[in-house]
Structures are given as C-alpha cells and as structure tokens.
C-alpha cells in the first residue's frame, strides 16, 4: 500500500506519505469505511475497467480522499 498526499501550501507536489492521521467524527469514519468496502468490491467486480473513486465527506472542510485501482495505475 502506498499513501500519497499534498499539503495545503503546495497542492501541486504529490508525495508518498509515511503516515496519515484522520481527525474526524465517528460518523465520517463509518462513511469512509463503507466507501473503502465499496471500492474493494468494485475493483473485484469490474477489474481494470474501474480506475478510481473520490470520497466526499459531509464535513464543511474536507480533504480529498481518492482510491485508485492498483491494477490500472503504475505507482
């Protein structure tokens, strides 16, 4: 697994992160967990035709959280 990210100060530089910290409500954690399960199901069912999906939080300020299919993206 690789985790990539950008900072608020420099959103053009995509870097591999060694750690990610989530600070959020339990409802958002459950929404994120459900999103990850749906992504895993879609990758298994659709194979290489499924590329990526964006998670959208109900929180006012939310970072982008994107899951990419490792079989499609060479990282």
C-alpha atoms as a PDB file:
ATOM      1  CA  UNK A   1       0.000   0.000   0.000  1.00  0.00           C
ATOM      2  CA  UNK A   2       1.199   3.482  -0.821  1.00  0.00           C
ATOM      3  CA  UNK A   3      -0.322   6.658   0.581  1.00  0.00           C
ATOM      4  CA  UNK A   4       0.148   9.811  -1.466  1.00  0.00           C
ATOM      5  CA  UNK A   5      -0.668  13.335  -0.417  1.00  0.00           C
ATOM      6  CA  UNK A   6      -0.337  17.045  -0.967  1.00  0.00           C
ATOM      7  CA  UNK A   7      -0.058  19.881   1.522  1.00  0.00           C
ATOM      8  CA  UNK A   8      -2.345  22.884   1.688  1.00  0.00           C
ATOM      9  CA  UNK A   9       0.658  25.106   0.966  1.00  0.00           C
ATOM     10  CA  UNK A  10       1.784  23.236  -2.156  1.00  0.00           C
ATOM     11  CA  UNK A  11      -1.038  21.322  -3.809  1.00  0.00           C
ATOM     12  CA  UNK A  12       0.946  20.622  -6.983  1.00  0.00           C
ATOM     13  CA  UNK A  13       3.514  18.310  -5.381  1.00  0.00           C
ATOM     14  CA  UNK A  14       2.273  14.752  -4.891  1.00  0.00           C
ATOM     15  CA  UNK A  15       4.443  12.913  -2.367  1.00  0.00           C
ATOM     16  CA  UNK A  16       4.482   9.471  -0.783  1.00  0.00           C
ATOM     17  CA  UNK A  17       3.467   9.843   2.861  1.00  0.00           C
ATOM     18  CA  UNK A  18       4.896   7.737   5.655  1.00  0.00           C
ATOM     19  CA  UNK A  19       1.915   8.423   7.896  1.00  0.00           C
ATOM     20  CA  UNK A  20      -1.617   9.770   7.660  1.00  0.00           C
ATOM     21  CA  UNK A  21      -3.726  10.949  10.592  1.00  0.00           C
ATOM     22  CA  UNK A  22      -7.515  11.240  10.475  1.00  0.00           C
ATOM     23  CA  UNK A  23      -9.220  13.660  12.843  1.00  0.00           C
ATOM     24  CA  UNK A  24     -12.944  13.285  12.340  1.00  0.00           C
ATOM     25  CA  UNK A  25     -16.272  12.283  13.829  1.00  0.00           C
ATOM     26  CA  UNK A  26     -17.285   8.647  14.169  1.00  0.00           C
ATOM     27  CA  UNK A  27     -19.984   9.046  11.524  1.00  0.00           C
ATOM     28  CA  UNK A  28     -17.379  10.137   8.977  1.00  0.00           C
ATOM     29  CA  UNK A  29     -15.121   7.221   9.924  1.00  0.00           C
ATOM     30  CA  UNK A  30     -18.018   4.856   9.277  1.00  0.00           C
ATOM     31  CA  UNK A  31     -18.759   6.583   5.956  1.00  0.00           C
ATOM     32  CA  UNK A  32     -15.092   6.243   4.980  1.00  0.00           C
ATOM     33  CA  UNK A  33     -15.013   2.564   5.967  1.00  0.00           C
ATOM     34  CA  UNK A  34     -18.122   1.934   3.870  1.00  0.00           C
ATOM     35  CA  UNK A  35     -16.555   3.814   0.952  1.00  0.00           C
ATOM     36  CA  UNK A  36     -13.420   1.648   1.151  1.00  0.00           C
ATOM     37  CA  UNK A  37     -15.512  -1.542   1.138  1.00  0.00           C
ATOM     38  CA  UNK A  38     -17.433  -0.300  -1.928  1.00  0.00           C
ATOM     39  CA  UNK A  39     -14.145   0.468  -3.701  1.00  0.00           C
ATOM     40  CA  UNK A  40     -12.768  -3.004  -2.920  1.00  0.00           C
ATOM     41  CA  UNK A  41     -15.973  -4.618  -4.207  1.00  0.00           C
ATOM     42  CA  UNK A  42     -15.877  -2.525  -7.389  1.00  0.00           C
ATOM     43  CA  UNK A  43     -12.226  -3.416  -8.087  1.00  0.00           C
ATOM     44  CA  UNK A  44     -13.000  -7.123  -7.655  1.00  0.00           C
ATOM     45  CA  UNK A  45     -16.152  -6.970  -9.787  1.00  0.00           C
ATOM     46  CA  UNK A  46     -15.004  -4.599 -12.547  1.00  0.00           C
ATOM     47  CA  UNK A  47     -11.284  -5.322 -12.712  1.00  0.00           C
ATOM     48  CA  UNK A  48      -9.196  -2.919 -14.768  1.00  0.00           C
ATOM     49  CA  UNK A  49     -12.281  -1.073 -16.025  1.00  0.00           C
ATOM     50  CA  UNK A  50     -12.611   0.506 -12.542  1.00  0.00           C
ATOM     51  CA  UNK A  51     -10.000   3.234 -12.182  1.00  0.00           C
ATOM     52  CA  UNK A  52     -10.699   5.412  -9.130  1.00  0.00           C
ATOM     53  CA  UNK A  53     -13.314   6.943  -6.864  1.00  0.00           C
ATOM     54  CA  UNK A  54     -13.459  10.105  -4.729  1.00  0.00           C
ATOM     55  CA  UNK A  55     -14.757  10.116  -1.155  1.00  0.00           C
ATOM     56  CA  UNK A  56     -16.961  13.057  -0.264  1.00  0.00           C
ATOM     57  CA  UNK A  57     -17.428  13.906   3.387  1.00  0.00           C
ATOM     58  CA  UNK A  58     -20.351  15.799   4.865  1.00  0.00           C
ATOM     59  CA  UNK A  59     -17.920  17.937   6.859  1.00  0.00           C
ATOM     60  CA  UNK A  60     -17.577  21.597   5.871  1.00  0.00           C
ATOM     61  CA  UNK A  61     -13.824  21.413   5.295  1.00  0.00           C
ATOM     62  CA  UNK A  62     -12.809  18.065   3.909  1.00  0.00           C
ATOM     63  CA  UNK A  63      -9.626  16.929   2.178  1.00  0.00           C
ATOM     64  CA  UNK A  64      -9.888  14.908  -0.993  1.00  0.00           C
ATOM     65  CA  UNK A  65      -9.640  11.168  -0.396  1.00  0.00           C
ATOM     66  CA  UNK A  66      -9.208   9.135  -3.563  1.00  0.00           C
ATOM     67  CA  UNK A  67      -8.820   5.379  -4.056  1.00  0.00           C
ATOM     68  CA  UNK A  68      -7.067   4.181  -7.222  1.00  0.00           C
ATOM     69  CA  UNK A  69      -7.103   0.665  -8.611  1.00  0.00           C
ATOM     70  CA  UNK A  70      -3.521  -0.672  -8.300  1.00  0.00           C
ATOM     71  CA  UNK A  71      -4.070  -2.778 -11.438  1.00  0.00           C
ATOM     72  CA  UNK A  72      -4.644   0.364 -13.506  1.00  0.00           C
ATOM     73  CA  UNK A  73      -2.206   2.880 -12.030  1.00  0.00           C
ATOM     74  CA  UNK A  74       1.533   2.258 -12.096  1.00  0.00           C
ATOM     75  CA  UNK A  75       2.816   3.996  -8.969  1.00  0.00           C
END
